[in-house]
Amino acid sequence: MKKEEVEEFKKPSLARALYTILFLVIGRGVSIVVCFAAIFQFVYSFIYSKPNDKVLEFTKSLSEFAKEIVIFVSFNSEEKPWPMGEWPKA
């Protein structure tokens, strides 16, 4: 860590801890949604010989959301993911 980054780091608060727990739970839900989307895409592509474009778009933005969660809970950012912030663009 750079010296400037160490000085800017603030001691975590109770609110930060609660948000971290909340986003860890949401992250678990995201992984379940990804499993269902993967199964759906497999069945859809088996039937129609191509993936569903809407599901592709959704899972791309969902992966960005998951990335934002990991960045927040690992203290690499103080910016809270959705629903406290905006839904990420695909």
N, C-alpha and C. Protein backbone atom coordinates (compact mmCIF):
# COMPACT_ATOMS: atom_id res chain seq x y z
N MET A 1 0.83 -1.19 0.00
CA MET A 1 0.00 0.00 0.00
C MET A 1 0.87 1.24 0.00
N LYS A 2 0.46 2.22 -0.76
CA LYS A 2 1.18 3.48 -0.78
C LYS A 2 0.89 4.24 0.50
N LYS A 3 1.81 5.13 0.86
CA LYS A 3 1.66 5.90 2.09
C LYS A 3 0.38 6.74 2.07
N GLU A 4 0.05 7.33 0.90
CA GLU A 4 -1.15 8.16 0.80
C GLU A 4 -2.41 7.31 1.04
N GLU A 5 -2.40 6.07 0.51
CA GLU A 5 -3.55 5.20 0.68
C GLU A 5 -3.74 4.81 2.13
N VAL A 6 -2.64 4.61 2.85
CA VAL A 6 -2.72 4.25 4.26
C VAL A 6 -3.32 5.40 5.06
N GLU A 7 -2.94 6.61 4.74
CA GLU A 7 -3.46 7.77 5.46
C GLU A 7 -4.94 7.99 5.18
N GLU A 8 -5.41 7.66 3.95
CA GLU A 8 -6.80 7.86 3.58
C GLU A 8 -7.72 6.79 4.15
N PHE A 9 -7.17 5.62 4.53
CA PHE A 9 -7.98 4.53 5.04
C PHE A 9 -8.61 4.91 6.36
N LYS A 10 -9.92 4.70 6.43
CA LYS A 10 -10.65 5.00 7.65
C LYS A 10 -11.00 3.70 8.35
N LYS A 11 -11.03 3.75 9.67
CA LYS A 11 -11.41 2.58 10.44
C LYS A 11 -12.83 2.18 10.07
N PRO A 12 -13.08 0.89 9.79
CA PRO A 12 -14.43 0.46 9.41
C PRO A 12 -15.44 0.73 10.53
N SER A 13 -16.63 1.14 10.12
CA SER A 13 -17.68 1.43 11.08
C SER A 13 -18.65 0.25 11.15
N LEU A 14 -19.58 0.33 12.07
CA LEU A 14 -20.61 -0.69 12.19
C LEU A 14 -21.46 -0.72 10.92
N ALA A 15 -21.74 0.46 10.36
CA ALA A 15 -22.52 0.53 9.12
C ALA A 15 -21.78 -0.20 7.99
N ARG A 16 -20.47 0.00 7.90
CA ARG A 16 -19.68 -0.68 6.87
C ARG A 16 -19.73 -2.18 7.05
N ALA A 17 -19.66 -2.63 8.28
CA ALA A 17 -19.74 -4.07 8.57
C ALA A 17 -21.09 -4.63 8.15
N LEU A 18 -22.17 -3.91 8.45
CA LEU A 18 -23.51 -4.38 8.09
C LEU A 18 -23.69 -4.39 6.57
N TYR A 19 -23.19 -3.37 5.88
CA TYR A 19 -23.26 -3.36 4.42
C TYR A 19 -22.45 -4.52 3.82
N THR A 20 -21.30 -4.79 4.41
CA THR A 20 -20.48 -5.90 3.93
C THR A 20 -21.23 -7.22 4.06
N ILE A 21 -21.85 -7.45 5.20
CA ILE A 21 -22.63 -8.67 5.40
C ILE A 21 -23.79 -8.73 4.41
N LEU A 22 -24.49 -7.61 4.24
CA LEU A 22 -25.60 -7.56 3.30
C LEU A 22 -25.15 -7.93 1.89
N PHE A 23 -24.04 -7.35 1.44
CA PHE A 23 -23.58 -7.61 0.08
C PHE A 23 -22.99 -9.02 -0.08
N LEU A 24 -22.48 -9.60 0.99
CA LEU A 24 -22.06 -11.00 0.92
C LEU A 24 -23.27 -11.91 0.71
N VAL A 25 -24.37 -11.61 1.40
CA VAL A 25 -25.61 -12.39 1.22
C VAL A 25 -26.15 -12.19 -0.19
N ILE A 26 -26.18 -10.94 -0.66
CA ILE A 26 -26.64 -10.66 -2.02
C ILE A 26 -25.75 -11.38 -3.04
N GLY A 27 -24.46 -11.40 -2.79
CA GLY A 27 -23.52 -12.09 -3.68
C GLY A 27 -23.83 -13.57 -3.78
N ARG A 28 -24.24 -14.17 -2.68
CA ARG A 28 -24.62 -15.59 -2.71
C ARG A 28 -25.86 -15.78 -3.59
N GLY A 29 -26.81 -14.86 -3.48
CA GLY A 29 -28.00 -14.91 -4.33
C GLY A 29 -27.65 -14.75 -5.80
N VAL A 30 -26.68 -13.88 -6.09
CA VAL A 30 -26.24 -13.67 -7.47
C VAL A 30 -25.70 -14.97 -8.05
N SER A 31 -24.94 -15.72 -7.26
CA SER A 31 -24.39 -16.98 -7.76
C SER A 31 -25.49 -17.99 -8.08
N ILE A 32 -26.56 -17.98 -7.32
CA ILE A 32 -27.70 -18.86 -7.60
C ILE A 32 -28.38 -18.45 -8.90
N VAL A 33 -28.57 -17.15 -9.09
CA VAL A 33 -29.19 -16.65 -10.33
C VAL A 33 -28.33 -17.01 -11.53
N VAL A 34 -27.01 -16.91 -11.39
CA VAL A 34 -26.10 -17.27 -12.49
C VAL A 34 -26.25 -18.76 -12.84
N CYS A 35 -26.39 -19.60 -11.83
CA CYS A 35 -26.59 -21.04 -12.10
C CYS A 35 -27.86 -21.28 -12.90
N PHE A 36 -28.96 -20.64 -12.51
CA PHE A 36 -30.21 -20.80 -13.25
C PHE A 36 -30.09 -20.24 -14.67
N ALA A 37 -29.42 -19.11 -14.81
CA ALA A 37 -29.24 -18.52 -16.14
C ALA A 37 -28.40 -19.43 -17.03
N ALA A 38 -27.37 -20.05 -16.46
CA ALA A 38 -26.52 -20.95 -17.23
C ALA A 38 -27.31 -22.18 -17.70
N ILE A 39 -28.12 -22.72 -16.82
CA ILE A 39 -28.96 -23.87 -17.19
C ILE A 39 -29.95 -23.47 -18.28
N PHE A 40 -30.58 -22.31 -18.10
CA PHE A 40 -31.53 -21.83 -19.11
C PHE A 40 -30.83 -21.64 -20.46
N GLN A 41 -29.66 -21.00 -20.44
CA GLN A 41 -28.93 -20.76 -21.69
C GLN A 41 -28.55 -22.07 -22.37
N PHE A 42 -28.15 -23.06 -21.59
CA PHE A 42 -27.79 -24.35 -22.16
C PHE A 42 -28.99 -24.98 -22.86
N VAL A 43 -30.13 -25.01 -22.17
CA VAL A 43 -31.33 -25.60 -22.75
C VAL A 43 -31.78 -24.80 -23.98
N TYR A 44 -31.80 -23.48 -23.85
CA TYR A 44 -32.22 -22.62 -24.96
C TYR A 44 -31.32 -22.81 -26.18
N SER A 45 -30.00 -22.82 -25.95
CA SER A 45 -29.07 -22.96 -27.08
C SER A 45 -29.13 -24.37 -27.67
N PHE A 46 -29.47 -25.36 -26.87
CA PHE A 46 -29.64 -26.72 -27.38
C PHE A 46 -30.85 -26.79 -28.32
N ILE A 47 -31.92 -26.09 -27.94
CA ILE A 47 -33.15 -26.10 -28.74
C ILE A 47 -33.03 -25.23 -29.98
N TYR A 48 -32.53 -23.99 -29.81
CA TYR A 48 -32.52 -23.01 -30.90
C TYR A 48 -31.15 -22.83 -31.57
N SER A 49 -30.17 -23.55 -31.16
CA SER A 49 -28.80 -23.50 -31.72
C SER A 49 -28.14 -22.13 -31.59
N LYS A 50 -28.58 -21.33 -30.63
CA LYS A 50 -27.94 -20.04 -30.33
C LYS A 50 -28.39 -19.60 -28.95
N PRO A 51 -27.57 -18.82 -28.26
CA PRO A 51 -27.97 -18.35 -26.93
C PRO A 51 -29.01 -17.23 -27.01
N ASN A 52 -29.74 -17.04 -25.94
CA ASN A 52 -30.76 -16.00 -25.85
C ASN A 52 -30.06 -14.65 -25.61
N ASP A 53 -30.31 -13.68 -26.50
CA ASP A 53 -29.64 -12.38 -26.42
C ASP A 53 -29.99 -11.61 -25.15
N LYS A 54 -31.24 -11.68 -24.71
CA LYS A 54 -31.66 -10.96 -23.50
C LYS A 54 -30.96 -11.52 -22.26
N VAL A 55 -30.83 -12.83 -22.21
CA VAL A 55 -30.14 -13.45 -21.07
C VAL A 55 -28.66 -13.13 -21.12
N LEU A 56 -28.07 -13.09 -22.31
CA LEU A 56 -26.67 -12.69 -22.45
C LEU A 56 -26.44 -11.28 -21.89
N GLU A 57 -27.33 -10.38 -22.25
CA GLU A 57 -27.22 -8.98 -21.79
C GLU A 57 -27.38 -8.91 -20.27
N PHE A 58 -28.37 -9.63 -19.74
CA PHE A 58 -28.61 -9.63 -18.30
C PHE A 58 -27.43 -10.21 -17.53
N THR A 59 -26.91 -11.36 -17.99
CA THR A 59 -25.81 -11.98 -17.25
C THR A 59 -24.52 -11.17 -17.36
N LYS A 60 -24.37 -10.41 -18.44
CA LYS A 60 -23.19 -9.54 -18.54
C LYS A 60 -23.27 -8.44 -17.48
N SER A 61 -24.44 -7.81 -17.33
CA SER A 61 -24.57 -6.77 -16.30
C SER A 61 -24.54 -7.40 -14.90
N LEU A 62 -25.05 -8.62 -14.76
CA LEU A 62 -25.00 -9.32 -13.48
C LEU A 62 -23.56 -9.61 -13.07
N SER A 63 -22.72 -9.95 -14.04
CA SER A 63 -21.31 -10.19 -13.72
C SER A 63 -20.61 -8.90 -13.29
N GLU A 64 -21.00 -7.78 -13.88
CA GLU A 64 -20.44 -6.48 -13.45
C GLU A 64 -20.90 -6.16 -12.03
N PHE A 65 -22.15 -6.49 -11.72
CA PHE A 65 -22.68 -6.31 -10.37
C PHE A 65 -21.89 -7.16 -9.37
N ALA A 66 -21.64 -8.41 -9.72
CA ALA A 66 -20.86 -9.30 -8.85
C ALA A 66 -19.46 -8.73 -8.63
N LYS A 67 -18.88 -8.19 -9.69
CA LYS A 67 -17.55 -7.57 -9.59
C LYS A 67 -17.57 -6.39 -8.62
N GLU A 68 -18.61 -5.57 -8.70
CA GLU A 68 -18.74 -4.43 -7.79
C GLU A 68 -18.88 -4.89 -6.34
N ILE A 69 -19.59 -5.99 -6.13
CA ILE A 69 -19.73 -6.53 -4.78
C ILE A 69 -18.37 -6.96 -4.24
N VAL A 70 -17.61 -7.69 -5.05
CA VAL A 70 -16.30 -8.16 -4.61
C VAL A 70 -15.39 -6.97 -4.30
N ILE A 71 -15.42 -5.96 -5.13
CA ILE A 71 -14.59 -4.77 -4.90
C ILE A 71 -14.99 -4.08 -3.60
N PHE A 72 -16.29 -3.99 -3.31
CA PHE A 72 -16.74 -3.33 -2.09
C PHE A 72 -16.39 -4.15 -0.85
N VAL A 73 -16.73 -5.44 -0.83
CA VAL A 73 -16.50 -6.23 0.39
C VAL A 73 -15.02 -6.47 0.66
N SER A 74 -14.17 -6.31 -0.35
CA SER A 74 -12.73 -6.47 -0.15
C SER A 74 -12.03 -5.15 0.16
N PHE A 75 -12.83 -4.10 0.43
CA PHE A 75 -12.33 -2.78 0.82
C PHE A 75 -11.52 -2.08 -0.27
N ASN A 76 -11.73 -2.46 -1.53
CA ASN A 76 -11.08 -1.76 -2.63
C ASN A 76 -11.86 -0.54 -3.07
N SER A 77 -13.09 -0.38 -2.55
CA SER A 77 -13.91 0.77 -2.87
C SER A 77 -14.90 1.00 -1.74
N GLU A 78 -15.26 2.25 -1.55
CA GLU A 78 -16.30 2.59 -0.58
C GLU A 78 -17.64 2.81 -1.28
N GLU A 79 -17.65 2.74 -2.61
CA GLU A 79 -18.87 2.93 -3.38
C GLU A 79 -19.72 1.67 -3.29
N LYS A 80 -20.93 1.84 -2.77
CA LYS A 80 -21.81 0.70 -2.57
C LYS A 80 -22.48 0.29 -3.88
N PRO A 81 -22.53 -1.04 -4.13
CA PRO A 81 -23.23 -1.52 -5.32
C PRO A 81 -24.73 -1.34 -5.22
N TRP A 82 -25.44 -1.71 -6.28
CA TRP A 82 -26.90 -1.68 -6.28
C TRP A 82 -27.38 -2.56 -5.16
N PRO A 83 -28.39 -2.25 -4.40
CA PRO A 83 -29.42 -1.25 -4.57
C PRO A 83 -29.09 0.12 -3.97
N MET A 84 -27.91 0.27 -3.34
CA MET A 84 -27.52 1.57 -2.80
C MET A 84 -27.00 2.48 -3.91
N GLY A 85 -26.45 1.88 -4.95
CA GLY A 85 -25.94 2.63 -6.10
C GLY A 85 -26.75 2.28 -7.34
N GLU A 86 -26.19 2.56 -8.48
CA GLU A 86 -26.87 2.27 -9.74
C GLU A 86 -26.56 0.86 -10.22
N TRP A 87 -27.49 0.27 -10.99
CA TRP A 87 -27.26 -1.03 -11.59
C TRP A 87 -26.19 -0.84 -12.67
N PRO A 88 -25.18 -1.71 -12.72
CA PRO A 88 -24.11 -1.53 -13.71
C PRO A 88 -24.58 -1.73 -15.15
N LYS A 89 -23.98 -1.00 -16.04
CA LYS A 89 -24.28 -1.13 -17.47
C LYS A 89 -23.55 -2.36 -18.01
N ALA A 90 -24.18 -3.00 -18.97
CA ALA A 90 -23.58 -4.20 -19.58
C ALA A 90 -22.48 -3.82 -20.53
